[in-house]
Amino acid sequence: MDLAVVVEIPGRGDQLFVVPTTPWRLEHEEAREKQAHDITDLDARHRTELPTIVAGDFNAGPSSPTIRYLTHTSTTRGLRRATDPATRGL
């Protein structure tokens, strides 16, 4: 499950904020992966000129499939990396 809201930033436009609420048990990686896919779908459907902010704890390590998907280090398409200056957001 994700909590999401589009907030109007005065003088800038709308910005999507997403807070994932992920299962904490290690054996629930499949649920976290599905949630990562859901977040990218939500971002695609509600994309604005401002970058989408995803804030929260995925309860997953940096080498987990979920984080690899979200950071483009897996073979599936994830969110654009926030640290990549060539992209305008996630």
PDB file of N, CA and C in Angstrom:
ATOM      1  N   MET A   1       0.841  -1.172   0.000  1.00  0.00           N
ATOM      2  CA  MET A   1       0.000   0.000   0.000  1.00  0.00           C
ATOM      3  C   MET A   1       0.887   1.237   0.000  1.00  0.00           C
ATOM      4  N   ASP A   2       0.466   2.231  -0.741  1.00  0.00           N
ATOM      5  CA  ASP A   2       1.181   3.502  -0.793  1.00  0.00           C
ATOM      6  C   ASP A   2       0.231   4.618  -0.392  1.00  0.00           C
ATOM      7  N   LEU A   3       0.783   5.631   0.219  1.00  0.00           N
ATOM      8  CA  LEU A   3       0.058   6.864   0.463  1.00  0.00           C
ATOM      9  C   LEU A   3       0.602   7.868  -0.540  1.00  0.00           C
ATOM     10  N   ALA A   4      -0.271   8.536  -1.268  1.00  0.00           N
ATOM     11  CA  ALA A   4       0.186   9.478  -2.289  1.00  0.00           C
ATOM     12  C   ALA A   4      -0.712  10.707  -2.294  1.00  0.00           C
ATOM     13  N   VAL A   5      -0.082  11.843  -2.624  1.00  0.00           N
ATOM     14  CA  VAL A   5      -0.819  13.089  -2.703  1.00  0.00           C
ATOM     15  C   VAL A   5      -0.111  14.004  -3.698  1.00  0.00           C
ATOM     16  N   VAL A   6      -0.890  14.760  -4.443  1.00  0.00           N
ATOM     17  CA  VAL A   6      -0.346  15.803  -5.294  1.00  0.00           C
ATOM     18  C   VAL A   6      -0.541  17.120  -4.550  1.00  0.00           C
ATOM     19  N   VAL A   7       0.559  17.840  -4.350  1.00  0.00           N
ATOM     20  CA  VAL A   7       0.540  19.082  -3.591  1.00  0.00           C
ATOM     21  C   VAL A   7       0.887  20.235  -4.526  1.00  0.00           C
ATOM     22  N   GLU A   8       0.127  21.318  -4.429  1.00  0.00           N
ATOM     23  CA  GLU A   8       0.440  22.507  -5.214  1.00  0.00           C
ATOM     24  C   GLU A   8       1.548  23.281  -4.519  1.00  0.00           C
ATOM     25  N   ILE A   9       2.645  23.470  -5.223  1.00  0.00           N
ATOM     26  CA  ILE A   9       3.765  24.244  -4.708  1.00  0.00           C
ATOM     27  C   ILE A   9       3.623  25.661  -5.286  1.00  0.00           C
ATOM     28  N   PRO A  10       3.329  26.664  -4.450  1.00  0.00           N
ATOM     29  CA  PRO A  10       3.089  28.018  -4.953  1.00  0.00           C
ATOM     30  C   PRO A  10       4.212  28.517  -5.864  1.00  0.00           C
ATOM     31  N   GLY A  11       3.813  28.975  -7.023  1.00  0.00           N
ATOM     32  CA  GLY A  11       4.757  29.516  -7.977  1.00  0.00           C
ATOM     33  C   GLY A  11       5.541  28.479  -8.760  1.00  0.00           C
ATOM     34  N   ARG A  12       5.347  27.193  -8.463  1.00  0.00           N
ATOM     35  CA  ARG A  12       6.123  26.138  -9.116  1.00  0.00           C
ATOM     36  C   ARG A  12       5.242  25.124  -9.840  1.00  0.00           C
ATOM     37  N   GLY A  13       4.081  24.815  -9.291  1.00  0.00           N
ATOM     38  CA  GLY A  13       3.203  23.817  -9.896  1.00  0.00           C
ATOM     39  C   GLY A  13       2.896  22.688  -8.932  1.00  0.00           C
ATOM     40  N   ASP A  14       2.382  21.595  -9.485  1.00  0.00           N
ATOM     41  CA  ASP A  14       2.008  20.435  -8.675  1.00  0.00           C
ATOM     42  C   ASP A  14       3.189  19.480  -8.527  1.00  0.00           C
ATOM     43  N   GLN A  15       3.254  18.818  -7.354  1.00  0.00           N
ATOM     44  CA  GLN A  15       4.307  17.842  -7.101  1.00  0.00           C
ATOM     45  C   GLN A  15       3.688  16.632  -6.427  1.00  0.00           C
ATOM     46  N   LEU A  16       4.050  15.441  -6.939  1.00  0.00           N
ATOM     47  CA  LEU A  16       3.558  14.180  -6.396  1.00  0.00           C
ATOM     48  C   LEU A  16       4.486  13.710  -5.284  1.00  0.00           C
ATOM     49  N   PHE A  17       3.903  13.380  -4.127  1.00  0.00           N
ATOM     50  CA  PHE A  17       4.621  12.791  -3.004  1.00  0.00           C
ATOM     51  C   PHE A  17       4.062  11.386  -2.781  1.00  0.00           C
ATOM     52  N   VAL A  18       4.941  10.400  -2.663  1.00  0.00           N
ATOM     53  CA  VAL A  18       4.530   9.012  -2.428  1.00  0.00           C
ATOM     54  C   VAL A  18       5.262   8.496  -1.199  1.00  0.00           C
ATOM     55  N   VAL A  19       4.524   7.880  -0.281  1.00  0.00           N
ATOM     56  CA  VAL A  19       5.123   7.263   0.897  1.00  0.00           C
ATOM     57  C   VAL A  19       4.737   5.784   0.877  1.00  0.00           C
ATOM     58  N   PRO A  20       5.701   4.909   0.570  1.00  0.00           N
ATOM     59  CA  PRO A  20       5.397   3.483   0.560  1.00  0.00           C
ATOM     60  C   PRO A  20       5.277   2.946   1.985  1.00  0.00           C
ATOM     61  N   THR A  21       4.370   2.035   2.170  1.00  0.00           N
ATOM     62  CA  THR A  21       4.218   1.341   3.448  1.00  0.00           C
ATOM     63  C   THR A  21       4.459  -0.133   3.160  1.00  0.00           C
ATOM     64  N   THR A  22       5.702  -0.547   3.293  1.00  0.00           N
ATOM     65  CA  THR A  22       6.113  -1.871   2.847  1.00  0.00           C
ATOM     66  C   THR A  22       6.170  -2.887   3.979  1.00  0.00           C
ATOM     67  N   PRO A  23       5.984  -4.162   3.624  1.00  0.00           N
ATOM     68  CA  PRO A  23       6.139  -5.226   4.628  1.00  0.00           C
ATOM     69  C   PRO A  23       7.586  -5.271   5.120  1.00  0.00           C
ATOM     70  N   TRP A  24       7.780  -5.469   6.401  1.00  0.00           N
ATOM     71  CA  TRP A  24       9.120  -5.421   6.958  1.00  0.00           C
ATOM     72  C   TRP A  24       9.818  -6.769   6.981  1.00  0.00           C
ATOM     73  N   ARG A  25       9.101  -7.851   6.870  1.00  0.00           N
ATOM     74  CA  ARG A  25       9.744  -9.175   6.946  1.00  0.00           C
ATOM     75  C   ARG A  25      10.526  -9.474   5.674  1.00  0.00           C
ATOM     76  N   LEU A  26      11.712 -10.033   5.839  1.00  0.00           N
ATOM     77  CA  LEU A  26      12.579 -10.317   4.700  1.00  0.00           C
ATOM     78  C   LEU A  26      11.922 -11.211   3.658  1.00  0.00           C
ATOM     79  N   GLU A  27      11.085 -12.127   4.075  1.00  0.00           N
ATOM     80  CA  GLU A  27      10.461 -13.065   3.133  1.00  0.00           C
ATOM     81  C   GLU A  27       9.359 -12.424   2.289  1.00  0.00           C
ATOM     82  N   HIS A  28       9.100 -11.138   2.469  1.00  0.00           N
ATOM     83  CA  HIS A  28       8.060 -10.452   1.709  1.00  0.00           C
ATOM     84  C   HIS A  28       8.620  -9.621   0.556  1.00  0.00           C
ATOM     85  N   GLU A  29       9.753 -10.028   0.011  1.00  0.00           N
ATOM     86  CA  GLU A  29      10.370  -9.290  -1.096  1.00  0.00           C
ATOM     87  C   GLU A  29       9.420  -9.178  -2.288  1.00  0.00           C
ATOM     88  N   GLU A  30       8.653 -10.216  -2.559  1.00  0.00           N
ATOM     89  CA  GLU A  30       7.725 -10.174  -3.695  1.00  0.00           C
ATOM     90  C   GLU A  30       6.713  -9.036  -3.538  1.00  0.00           C
ATOM     91  N   ALA A  31       6.216  -8.835  -2.338  1.00  0.00           N
ATOM     92  CA  ALA A  31       5.267  -7.740  -2.086  1.00  0.00           C
ATOM     93  C   ALA A  31       5.950  -6.388  -2.272  1.00  0.00           C
ATOM     94  N   ARG A  32       7.208  -6.268  -1.843  1.00  0.00           N
ATOM     95  CA  ARG A  32       7.936  -5.009  -2.026  1.00  0.00           C
ATOM     96  C   ARG A  32       8.195  -4.739  -3.507  1.00  0.00           C
ATOM     97  N   GLU A  33       8.516  -5.788  -4.268  1.00  0.00           N
ATOM     98  CA  GLU A  33       8.732  -5.620  -5.706  1.00  0.00           C
ATOM     99  C   GLU A  33       7.453  -5.149  -6.394  1.00  0.00           C
ATOM    100  N   LYS A  34       6.320  -5.741  -6.027  1.00  0.00           N
ATOM    101  CA  LYS A  34       5.046  -5.321  -6.615  1.00  0.00           C
ATOM    102  C   LYS A  34       4.781  -3.861  -6.273  1.00  0.00           C
ATOM    103  N   GLN A  35       5.079  -3.484  -5.058  1.00  0.00           N
ATOM    104  CA  GLN A  35       4.862  -2.098  -4.656  1.00  0.00           C
ATOM    105  C   GLN A  35       5.757  -1.150  -5.452  1.00  0.00           C
ATOM    106  N   ALA A  36       6.986  -1.535  -5.709  1.00  0.00           N
ATOM    107  CA  ALA A  36       7.877  -0.699  -6.517  1.00  0.00           C
ATOM    108  C   ALA A  36       7.304  -0.511  -7.920  1.00  0.00           C
ATOM    109  N   HIS A  37       6.759  -1.579  -8.491  1.00  0.00           N
ATOM    110  CA  HIS A  37       6.123  -1.471  -9.805  1.00  0.00           C
ATOM    111  C   HIS A  37       4.901  -0.554  -9.733  1.00  0.00           C
ATOM    112  N   ASP A  38       4.121  -0.675  -8.663  1.00  0.00           N
ATOM    113  CA  ASP A  38       2.950   0.186  -8.487  1.00  0.00           C
ATOM    114  C   ASP A  38       3.355   1.656  -8.374  1.00  0.00           C
ATOM    115  N   ILE A  39       4.465   1.927  -7.685  1.00  0.00           N
ATOM    116  CA  ILE A  39       4.939   3.301  -7.538  1.00  0.00           C
ATOM    117  C   ILE A  39       5.348   3.877  -8.891  1.00  0.00           C
ATOM    118  N   THR A  40       6.053   3.096  -9.705  1.00  0.00           N
ATOM    119  CA  THR A  40       6.451   3.606 -11.019  1.00  0.00           C
ATOM    120  C   THR A  40       5.230   3.855 -11.898  1.00  0.00           C
ATOM    121  N   ASP A  41       4.215   3.001 -11.764  1.00  0.00           N
ATOM    122  CA  ASP A  41       2.976   3.212 -12.517  1.00  0.00           C
ATOM    123  C   ASP A  41       2.272   4.485 -12.043  1.00  0.00           C
ATOM    124  N   LEU A  42       2.197   4.672 -10.745  1.00  0.00           N
ATOM    125  CA  LEU A  42       1.581   5.872 -10.167  1.00  0.00           C
ATOM    126  C   LEU A  42       2.326   7.125 -10.637  1.00  0.00           C
ATOM    127  N   ASP A  43       3.645   7.073 -10.624  1.00  0.00           N
ATOM    128  CA  ASP A  43       4.458   8.193 -11.094  1.00  0.00           C
ATOM    129  C   ASP A  43       4.166   8.493 -12.560  1.00  0.00           C
ATOM    130  N   ALA A  44       4.071   7.473 -13.379  1.00  0.00           N
ATOM    131  CA  ALA A  44       3.814   7.673 -14.811  1.00  0.00           C
ATOM    132  C   ALA A  44       2.437   8.299 -15.052  1.00  0.00           C
ATOM    133  N   ARG A  45       1.455   7.897 -14.269  1.00  0.00           N
ATOM    134  CA  ARG A  45       0.098   8.408 -14.453  1.00  0.00           C
ATOM    135  C   ARG A  45      -0.090   9.821 -13.920  1.00  0.00           C
ATOM    136  N   HIS A  46       0.711  10.226 -12.957  1.00  0.00           N
ATOM    137  CA  HIS A  46       0.530  11.534 -12.316  1.00  0.00           C
ATOM    138  C   HIS A  46       1.770  12.416 -12.434  1.00  0.00           C
ATOM    139  N   ARG A  47       2.577  12.171 -13.417  1.00  0.00           N
ATOM    140  CA  ARG A  47       3.831  12.925 -13.613  1.00  0.00           C
ATOM    141  C   ARG A  47       3.520  14.399 -13.811  1.00  0.00           C
ATOM    142  N   THR A  48       4.295  15.256 -13.171  1.00  0.00           N
ATOM    143  CA  THR A  48       4.177  16.705 -13.332  1.00  0.00           C
ATOM    144  C   THR A  48       5.542  17.245 -13.750  1.00  0.00           C
ATOM    145  N   GLU A  49       5.628  18.564 -13.913  1.00  0.00           N
ATOM    146  CA  GLU A  49       6.901  19.180 -14.261  1.00  0.00           C
ATOM    147  C   GLU A  49       7.924  19.050 -13.133  1.00  0.00           C
ATOM    148  N   LEU A  50       7.446  18.986 -11.905  1.00  0.00           N
ATOM    149  CA  LEU A  50       8.338  18.829 -10.760  1.00  0.00           C
ATOM    150  C   LEU A  50       8.619  17.347 -10.528  1.00  0.00           C
ATOM    151  N   PRO A  51       9.767  17.006  -9.966  1.00  0.00           N
ATOM    152  CA  PRO A  51      10.080  15.594  -9.728  1.00  0.00           C
ATOM    153  C   PRO A  51       9.159  14.991  -8.673  1.00  0.00           C
ATOM    154  N   THR A  52       8.874  13.727  -8.831  1.00  0.00           N
ATOM    155  CA  THR A  52       8.109  12.987  -7.825  1.00  0.00           C
ATOM    156  C   THR A  52       9.024  12.683  -6.647  1.00  0.00           C
ATOM    157  N   ILE A  53       8.496  12.855  -5.441  1.00  0.00           N
ATOM    158  CA  ILE A  53       9.264  12.546  -4.238  1.00  0.00           C
ATOM    159  C   ILE A  53       8.714  11.257  -3.640  1.00  0.00           C
ATOM    160  N   VAL A  54       9.582  10.268  -3.491  1.00  0.00           N
ATOM    161  CA  VAL A  54       9.235   9.009  -2.831  1.00  0.00           C
ATOM    162  C   VAL A  54       9.996   8.996  -1.518  1.00  0.00           C
ATOM    163  N   ALA A  55       9.270   8.970  -0.401  1.00  0.00           N
ATOM    164  CA  ALA A  55       9.897   9.036   0.912  1.00  0.00           C
ATOM    165  C   ALA A  55       9.402   7.887   1.774  1.00  0.00           C
ATOM    166  N   GLY A  56      10.314   7.222   2.410  1.00  0.00           N
ATOM    167  CA  GLY A  56       9.917   6.136   3.287  1.00  0.00           C
ATOM    168  C   GLY A  56      10.971   5.061   3.325  1.00  0.00           C
ATOM    169  N   ASP A  57      10.677   4.040   4.054  1.00  0.00           N
ATOM    170  CA  ASP A  57      11.585   2.924   4.243  1.00  0.00           C
ATOM    171  C   ASP A  57      11.031   1.728   3.479  1.00  0.00           C
ATOM    172  N   PHE A  58      11.764   1.259   2.487  1.00  0.00           N
ATOM    173  CA  PHE A  58      11.318   0.092   1.727  1.00  0.00           C
ATOM    174  C   PHE A  58      11.630  -1.208   2.458  1.00  0.00           C
ATOM    175  N   ASN A  59      12.286  -1.107   3.614  1.00  0.00           N
ATOM    176  CA  ASN A  59      12.671  -2.304   4.348  1.00  0.00           C
ATOM    177  C   ASN A  59      13.430  -3.267   3.452  1.00  0.00           C
ATOM    178  N   ALA A  60      14.324  -2.709   2.663  1.00  0.00           N
ATOM    179  CA  ALA A  60      15.093  -3.509   1.717  1.00  0.00           C
ATOM    180  C   ALA A  60      16.502  -2.941   1.620  1.00  0.00           C
ATOM    181  N   GLY A  61      17.467  -3.825   1.488  1.00  0.00           N
ATOM    182  CA  GLY A  61      18.854  -3.413   1.364  1.00  0.00           C
ATOM    183  C   GLY A  61      19.173  -2.906  -0.030  1.00  0.00           C
ATOM    184  N   PRO A  62      20.324  -2.266  -0.209  1.00  0.00           N
ATOM    185  CA  PRO A  62      20.682  -1.671  -1.495  1.00  0.00           C
ATOM    186  C   PRO A  62      20.808  -2.675  -2.638  1.00  0.00           C
ATOM    187  N   SER A  63      21.052  -3.932  -2.342  1.00  0.00           N
ATOM    188  CA  SER A  63      21.187  -4.927  -3.409  1.00  0.00           C
ATOM    189  C   SER A  63      19.914  -5.750  -3.614  1.00  0.00           C
ATOM    190  N   SER A  64      18.840  -5.388  -2.910  1.00  0.00           N
ATOM    191  CA  SER A  64      17.588  -6.134  -3.062  1.00  0.00           C
ATOM    192  C   SER A  64      16.974  -5.862  -4.440  1.00  0.00           C
ATOM    193  N   PRO A  65      16.180  -6.799  -4.963  1.00  0.00           N
ATOM    194  CA  PRO A  65      15.515  -6.580  -6.250  1.00  0.00           C
ATOM    195  C   PRO A  65      14.679  -5.299  -6.277  1.00  0.00           C
ATOM    196  N   THR A  66      14.035  -4.965  -5.176  1.00  0.00           N
ATOM    197  CA  THR A  66      13.200  -3.762  -5.116  1.00  0.00           C
ATOM    198  C   THR A  66      14.033  -2.505  -5.346  1.00  0.00           C
ATOM    199  N   ILE A  67      15.121  -2.369  -4.633  1.00  0.00           N
ATOM    200  CA  ILE A  67      15.962  -1.181  -4.760  1.00  0.00           C
ATOM    201  C   ILE A  67      16.671  -1.168  -6.108  1.00  0.00           C
ATOM    202  N   ARG A  68      17.105  -2.317  -6.585  1.00  0.00           N
ATOM    203  CA  ARG A  68      17.734  -2.375  -7.914  1.00  0.00           C
ATOM    204  C   ARG A  68      16.749  -1.925  -8.987  1.00  0.00           C
ATOM    205  N   TYR A  69      15.489  -2.292  -8.866  1.00  0.00           N
ATOM    206  CA  TYR A  69      14.464  -1.871  -9.826  1.00  0.00           C
ATOM    207  C   TYR A  69      14.279  -0.351  -9.783  1.00  0.00           C
ATOM    208  N   LEU A  70      14.158   0.193  -8.591  1.00  0.00           N
ATOM    209  CA  LEU A  70      13.903   1.627  -8.442  1.00  0.00           C
ATOM    210  C   LEU A  70      15.090   2.493  -8.842  1.00  0.00           C
ATOM    211  N   THR A  71      16.285   1.940  -8.806  1.00  0.00           N
ATOM    212  CA  THR A  71      17.486   2.717  -9.132  1.00  0.00           C
ATOM    213  C   THR A  71      18.069   2.349 -10.493  1.00  0.00           C
ATOM    214  N   HIS A  72      17.310   1.610 -11.270  1.00  0.00           N
ATOM    215  CA  HIS A  72      17.744   1.228 -12.622  1.00  0.00           C
ATOM    216  C   HIS A  72      18.972   0.328 -12.644  1.00  0.00           C
ATOM    217  N   THR A  73      19.181  -0.439 -11.622  1.00  0.00           N
ATOM    218  CA  THR A  73      20.317  -1.356 -11.644  1.00  0.00           C
ATOM    219  C   THR A  73      19.847  -2.796 -11.824  1.00  0.00           C
ATOM    220  N   SER A  74      18.585  -2.960 -12.224  1.00  0.00           N
ATOM    221  CA  SER A  74      18.076  -4.290 -12.556  1.00  0.00           C
ATOM    222  C   SER A  74      17.748  -4.299 -14.047  1.00  0.00           C
ATOM    223  N   THR A  75      17.239  -5.410 -14.522  1.00  0.00           N
ATOM    224  CA  THR A  75      16.941  -5.516 -15.948  1.00  0.00           C
ATOM    225  C   THR A  75      15.565  -4.986 -16.291  1.00  0.00           C
ATOM    226  N   THR A  76      14.758  -4.610 -15.290  1.00  0.00           N
ATOM    227  CA  THR A  76      13.439  -4.043 -15.566  1.00  0.00           C
ATOM    228  C   THR A  76      13.499  -2.535 -15.422  1.00  0.00           C
ATOM    229  N   ARG A  77      12.541  -1.854 -16.036  1.00  0.00           N
ATOM    230  CA  ARG A  77      12.511  -0.395 -16.022  1.00  0.00           C
ATOM    231  C   ARG A  77      11.929   0.111 -14.708  1.00  0.00           C
ATOM    232  N   GLY A  78      12.661   0.947 -14.004  1.00  0.00           N
ATOM    233  CA  GLY A  78      12.181   1.518 -12.750  1.00  0.00           C
ATOM    234  C   GLY A  78      12.071   3.020 -12.837  1.00  0.00           C
ATOM    235  N   LEU A  79      12.014   3.645 -11.716  1.00  0.00           N
ATOM    236  CA  LEU A  79      11.962   5.099 -11.659  1.00  0.00           C
ATOM    237  C   LEU A  79      13.293   5.682 -12.097  1.00  0.00           C
ATOM    238  N   ARG A  80      13.258   6.881 -12.627  1.00  0.00           N
ATOM    239  CA  ARG A  80      14.507   7.569 -12.967  1.00  0.00           C
ATOM    240  C   ARG A  80      15.246   7.912 -11.685  1.00  0.00           C
ATOM    241  N   ARG A  81      16.519   7.763 -11.700  1.00  0.00           N
ATOM    242  CA  ARG A  81      17.313   8.001 -10.498  1.00  0.00           C
ATOM    243  C   ARG A  81      17.314   9.481 -10.129  1.00  0.00           C
ATOM    244  N   ALA A  82      17.016   9.755  -8.883  1.00  0.00           N
ATOM    245  CA  ALA A  82      16.998  11.140  -8.411  1.00  0.00           C
ATOM    246  C   ALA A  82      18.389  11.747  -8.449  1.00  0.00           C
ATOM    247  N   THR A  83      19.416  10.906  -8.412  1.00  0.00           N
ATOM    248  CA  THR A  83      20.777  11.418  -8.397  1.00  0.00           C
ATOM    249  C   THR A  83      21.326  11.647  -9.799  1.00  0.00           C
ATOM    250  N   ASP A  84      20.595  11.314 -10.823  1.00  0.00           N
ATOM    251  CA  ASP A  84      21.074  11.455 -12.201  1.00  0.00           C
ATOM    252  C   ASP A  84      20.680  12.831 -12.721  1.00  0.00           C
ATOM    253  N   PRO A  85      21.645  13.737 -12.956  1.00  0.00           N
ATOM    254  CA  PRO A  85      21.311  15.084 -13.402  1.00  0.00           C
ATOM    255  C   PRO A  85      20.705  15.112 -14.800  1.00  0.00           C
ATOM    256  N   ALA A  86      20.821  14.028 -15.548  1.00  0.00           N
ATOM    257  CA  ALA A  86      20.246  13.980 -16.895  1.00  0.00           C
ATOM    258  C   ALA A  86      18.730  13.778 -16.857  1.00  0.00           C
ATOM    259  N   THR A  87      18.204  13.384 -15.716  1.00  0.00           N
ATOM    260  CA  THR A  87      16.754  13.193 -15.589  1.00  0.00           C
ATOM    261  C   THR A  87      16.182  14.325 -14.766  1.00  0.00           C
ATOM    262  N   ARG A  88      14.885  14.543 -14.906  1.00  0.00           N
ATOM    263  CA  ARG A  88      14.283  15.645 -14.172  1.00  0.00           C
ATOM    264  C   ARG A  88      13.564  15.180 -12.908  1.00  0.00           C
ATOM    265  N   GLY A  89      13.876  14.025 -12.431  1.00  0.00           N
ATOM    266  CA  GLY A  89      13.219  13.541 -11.227  1.00  0.00           C
ATOM    267  C   GLY A  89      13.641  12.153 -10.892  1.00  0.00           C
ATOM    268  N   LEU A  90      12.679  11.346 -10.559  1.00  0.00           N
ATOM    269  CA  LEU A  90      12.948  10.001 -10.104  1.00  0.00           C
ATOM    270  C   LEU A  90      13.743   9.209 -11.094  1.00  0.00           C
TER     271      LEU A  90
END
